């Protein structure tokens, strides 16, 4: 840092020169900033050190708070040195793709949702002539949609074909080769499937 004799000054061979040598930067105690907000941690660390950041997801530490630090709180480090703070991005948000449940049984649909890390929601029924009874007619979130794991997916199960009976009288001419059968006809029942 300094010397007792100026540079380039001539001195006698047996003259004493006193050199003042630096011990390096002064050591300071590193504050413990774990679980503190990034803003608060930066203020505390900046008093004697240079804070730097890295980021990662954490299920345990709140978003924008310190998970860990490169020098443990309470230890000493040279003033001005870099202290890396690992900052939480919060819980990792995992994506899932909604499976196509169409025409699956209710049990198959529930298994497919569970396998995709999704949750079976409300299950309702409706009559449907195209999908066999007990199988999925439609779902609340379209197949192949990306969503967050744990999302609830509702679906509708077919109750099968709806039988509708219409009863009425025959008006007009009825032809039949069997007169005995014709004499017994008083009304006609028509069943329609929808």
Protein backbone atom coordinates (compact mmCIF):
# COMPACT_ATOMS: atom_id res chain seq x y z
CA UNK A 1 0.00 0.00 0.00
CA UNK A 2 2.85 2.37 0.88
CA UNK A 3 6.58 2.59 1.60
CA UNK A 4 8.74 4.79 3.80
CA UNK A 5 11.03 5.91 0.96
CA UNK A 6 9.75 7.54 -2.21
CA UNK A 7 10.13 5.68 -5.44
CA UNK A 8 13.42 6.28 -7.36
CA UNK A 9 15.03 8.00 -4.39
CA UNK A 10 18.63 6.96 -3.77
CA UNK A 11 19.39 5.55 -0.36
CA UNK A 12 22.38 3.82 1.36
CA UNK A 13 22.58 0.09 1.16
CA UNK A 14 22.05 -0.34 4.87
CA UNK A 15 19.07 2.13 5.14
CA UNK A 16 15.84 0.63 6.34
CA UNK A 17 12.74 0.76 4.11
CA UNK A 18 9.38 0.19 5.72
CA UNK A 19 6.71 -1.33 3.47
CA UNK A 20 3.06 -1.28 4.38
CA UNK A 21 1.41 -4.38 2.81
CA UNK A 22 -2.32 -4.91 2.45
CA UNK A 23 -3.88 -7.88 4.17
CA UNK A 24 -6.49 -7.84 1.42
CA UNK A 25 -10.07 -6.71 1.76
CA UNK A 26 -11.49 -6.62 5.25
CA UNK A 27 -13.60 -9.62 6.17
CA UNK A 28 -17.21 -9.05 7.14
CA UNK A 29 -19.88 -11.35 8.52
CA UNK A 30 -22.34 -12.42 5.82
CA UNK A 31 -25.95 -11.83 6.84
CA UNK A 32 -28.36 -14.79 6.78
CA UNK A 33 -30.94 -13.87 4.13
CA UNK A 34 -32.62 -17.26 3.58
CA UNK A 35 -36.41 -16.95 3.17
CA UNK A 36 -36.17 -13.14 2.91
CA UNK A 37 -37.59 -11.28 -0.09
CA UNK A 38 -35.06 -10.63 -2.86
CA UNK A 39 -35.36 -6.88 -2.24
CA UNK A 40 -34.63 -7.18 1.49
CA UNK A 41 -31.80 -9.66 0.88
CA UNK A 42 -30.14 -7.38 -1.69
CA UNK A 43 -30.19 -4.45 0.75
CA UNK A 44 -28.59 -6.56 3.52
CA UNK A 45 -25.96 -8.19 1.29
CA UNK A 46 -25.10 -4.91 -0.50
CA UNK A 47 -23.86 -3.37 2.74
CA UNK A 48 -20.50 -5.16 2.36
CA UNK A 49 -20.84 -7.50 -0.63
CA UNK A 50 -21.95 -7.72 -4.24
CA UNK A 51 -25.22 -9.74 -4.53
CA UNK A 52 -25.79 -11.85 -7.66
CA UNK A 53 -28.81 -14.02 -8.42
CA UNK A 54 -29.68 -17.40 -9.83
CA UNK A 55 -33.22 -18.78 -10.03
CA UNK A 56 -34.98 -22.12 -9.51
CA UNK A 57 -38.40 -23.53 -8.67
CA UNK A 58 -39.22 -24.40 -5.06
CA UNK A 59 -42.22 -26.11 -3.50
CA UNK A 60 -41.15 -24.81 -0.07
CA UNK A 61 -39.95 -21.23 -0.55
CA UNK A 62 -42.32 -18.45 -1.64
CA UNK A 63 -41.77 -16.89 -5.08
CA UNK A 64 -39.20 -14.03 -5.10
CA UNK A 65 -37.67 -15.14 -1.78
CA UNK A 66 -34.17 -16.52 -1.10
CA UNK A 67 -33.83 -20.33 -1.15
CA UNK A 68 -30.09 -20.37 -0.34
CA UNK A 69 -26.92 -18.30 -0.52
CA UNK A 70 -23.38 -19.13 -1.71
CA UNK A 71 -21.81 -18.14 1.64
CA UNK A 72 -23.74 -19.29 4.69
CA UNK A 73 -25.10 -16.57 6.93
CA UNK A 74 -22.80 -15.95 9.91
CA UNK A 75 -19.60 -16.86 8.04
CA UNK A 76 -17.03 -14.20 7.13
CA UNK A 77 -16.11 -13.21 3.59
CA UNK A 78 -13.95 -10.48 2.04
CA UNK A 79 -15.78 -7.19 1.58
CA UNK A 80 -16.89 -6.59 -2.00
CA UNK A 81 -16.93 -10.27 -2.89
CA UNK A 82 -19.87 -11.74 -4.82
CA UNK A 83 -22.53 -13.56 -2.80
CA UNK A 84 -24.90 -15.56 -5.00
CA UNK A 85 -28.51 -15.74 -3.85
CA UNK A 86 -30.72 -18.53 -5.22
CA UNK A 87 -34.16 -16.95 -5.72
CA UNK A 88 -37.39 -18.97 -5.79
CA UNK A 89 -39.56 -18.96 -8.91
CA UNK A 90 -42.29 -20.58 -6.81
CA UNK A 91 -43.77 -23.99 -7.43
CA UNK A 92 -43.06 -25.50 -10.81
CA UNK A 93 -46.14 -25.38 -13.00
CA UNK A 94 -46.31 -28.69 -14.82
CA UNK A 95 -48.32 -29.04 -18.00
CA UNK A 96 -50.57 -31.93 -18.98
CA UNK A 97 -52.30 -32.82 -22.24
CA UNK A 98 -56.01 -33.67 -21.96
CA UNK A 99 -56.65 -37.18 -23.38
CA UNK A 100 -59.45 -37.95 -25.83
CA UNK A 101 -62.16 -39.57 -23.67
CA UNK A 102 -64.71 -40.03 -26.47
CA UNK A 103 -66.40 -43.47 -26.43
CA UNK A 104 -64.39 -44.66 -23.36
CA UNK A 105 -66.19 -46.24 -20.44
CA UNK A 106 -66.41 -44.11 -17.31
CA UNK A 107 -63.68 -46.21 -15.66
CA UNK A 108 -61.39 -45.93 -18.69
CA UNK A 109 -61.96 -42.16 -18.79
CA UNK A 110 -61.11 -41.80 -15.10
CA UNK A 111 -57.92 -43.87 -15.58
CA UNK A 112 -56.89 -41.86 -18.66
CA UNK A 113 -57.30 -38.60 -16.72
CA UNK A 114 -55.35 -39.93 -13.74
CA UNK A 115 -52.54 -41.14 -16.02
CA UNK A 116 -52.35 -37.62 -17.52
CA UNK A 117 -52.17 -36.12 -13.97
CA UNK A 118 -55.64 -34.61 -14.34
CA UNK A 119 -58.72 -35.02 -12.14
CA UNK A 120 -62.11 -36.45 -13.14
CA UNK A 121 -64.73 -33.84 -12.36
CA UNK A 122 -68.52 -33.86 -12.60
CA UNK A 123 -69.92 -36.82 -14.54
CA UNK A 124 -73.40 -36.39 -16.01
CA UNK A 125 -75.49 -38.50 -18.38
CA UNK A 126 -77.56 -37.79 -21.44
CA UNK A 127 -79.34 -39.88 -24.05
CA UNK A 128 -77.31 -40.47 -27.21
CA UNK A 129 -78.10 -42.73 -30.16
CA UNK A 130 -74.51 -42.78 -31.48
CA UNK A 131 -72.49 -43.68 -28.36
CA UNK A 132 -73.28 -46.88 -26.43
CA UNK A 133 -74.72 -46.50 -22.94
CA UNK A 134 -71.99 -46.06 -20.31
CA UNK A 135 -69.43 -44.48 -22.66
CA UNK A 136 -68.25 -40.87 -22.89
CA UNK A 137 -70.20 -38.62 -25.28
CA UNK A 138 -68.17 -35.44 -24.73
CA UNK A 139 -65.75 -33.80 -22.31
CA UNK A 140 -65.49 -30.37 -20.70
CA UNK A 141 -61.98 -29.63 -22.00
CA UNK A 142 -61.22 -30.59 -25.60
CA UNK A 143 -58.85 -33.49 -26.28
CA UNK A 144 -55.18 -32.55 -26.84
CA UNK A 145 -55.56 -29.23 -24.99
CA UNK A 146 -52.53 -28.31 -22.84
CA UNK A 147 -53.46 -27.40 -19.29
CA UNK A 148 -51.96 -27.39 -15.79
CA UNK A 149 -51.57 -30.71 -13.98
CA UNK A 150 -54.40 -31.28 -11.50
CA UNK A 151 -57.01 -29.54 -13.67
CA UNK A 152 -60.55 -30.92 -13.25
CA UNK A 153 -62.13 -32.34 -16.42
CA UNK A 154 -65.90 -32.89 -16.49
CA UNK A 155 -67.44 -35.38 -18.93
CA UNK A 156 -70.82 -36.69 -20.09
CA UNK A 157 -71.72 -40.39 -20.25
CA UNK A 158 -74.25 -41.79 -22.74
CA UNK A 159 -77.49 -43.13 -21.27
CA UNK A 160 -78.04 -44.91 -24.58
CA UNK A 161 -80.97 -44.54 -26.93
CA UNK A 162 -84.00 -42.67 -25.66
CA UNK A 163 -87.20 -44.61 -26.25
CA UNK A 164 -90.17 -42.38 -27.03
CA UNK A 165 -93.67 -43.88 -27.31
CA UNK A 166 -96.44 -42.10 -29.19
CA UNK A 167 -100.00 -43.42 -28.86
CA UNK A 168 -102.83 -42.33 -31.13
CA UNK A 169 -105.75 -43.44 -33.28
CA UNK A 170 -105.57 -44.49 -36.91
CA UNK A 171 -107.53 -42.21 -39.15
CA UNK A 172 -108.08 -43.26 -42.72
CA UNK A 173 -107.95 -46.53 -44.57
CA UNK A 174 -106.03 -49.49 -43.26
CA UNK A 175 -105.44 -52.36 -45.60
CA UNK A 176 -104.81 -55.82 -44.42
CA UNK A 177 -105.35 -59.17 -46.00
CA UNK A 178 -106.36 -60.71 -42.69
CA UNK A 179 -109.83 -59.40 -41.88
CA UNK A 180 -109.75 -61.01 -38.42
CA UNK A 181 -106.55 -59.14 -37.51
CA UNK A 182 -107.94 -55.91 -38.94
CA UNK A 183 -111.08 -56.19 -36.87
CA UNK A 184 -108.97 -56.38 -33.70
CA UNK A 185 -107.02 -53.16 -34.39
CA UNK A 186 -108.35 -50.29 -32.31
CA UNK A 187 -105.16 -48.17 -32.01
CA UNK A 188 -101.58 -48.23 -33.20
CA UNK A 189 -98.49 -47.64 -31.01
CA UNK A 190 -95.41 -46.22 -32.75
CA UNK A 191 -92.02 -46.28 -31.07
CA UNK A 192 -89.46 -43.80 -32.35
CA UNK A 193 -85.76 -43.80 -31.43
CA UNK A 194 -83.96 -40.49 -31.12
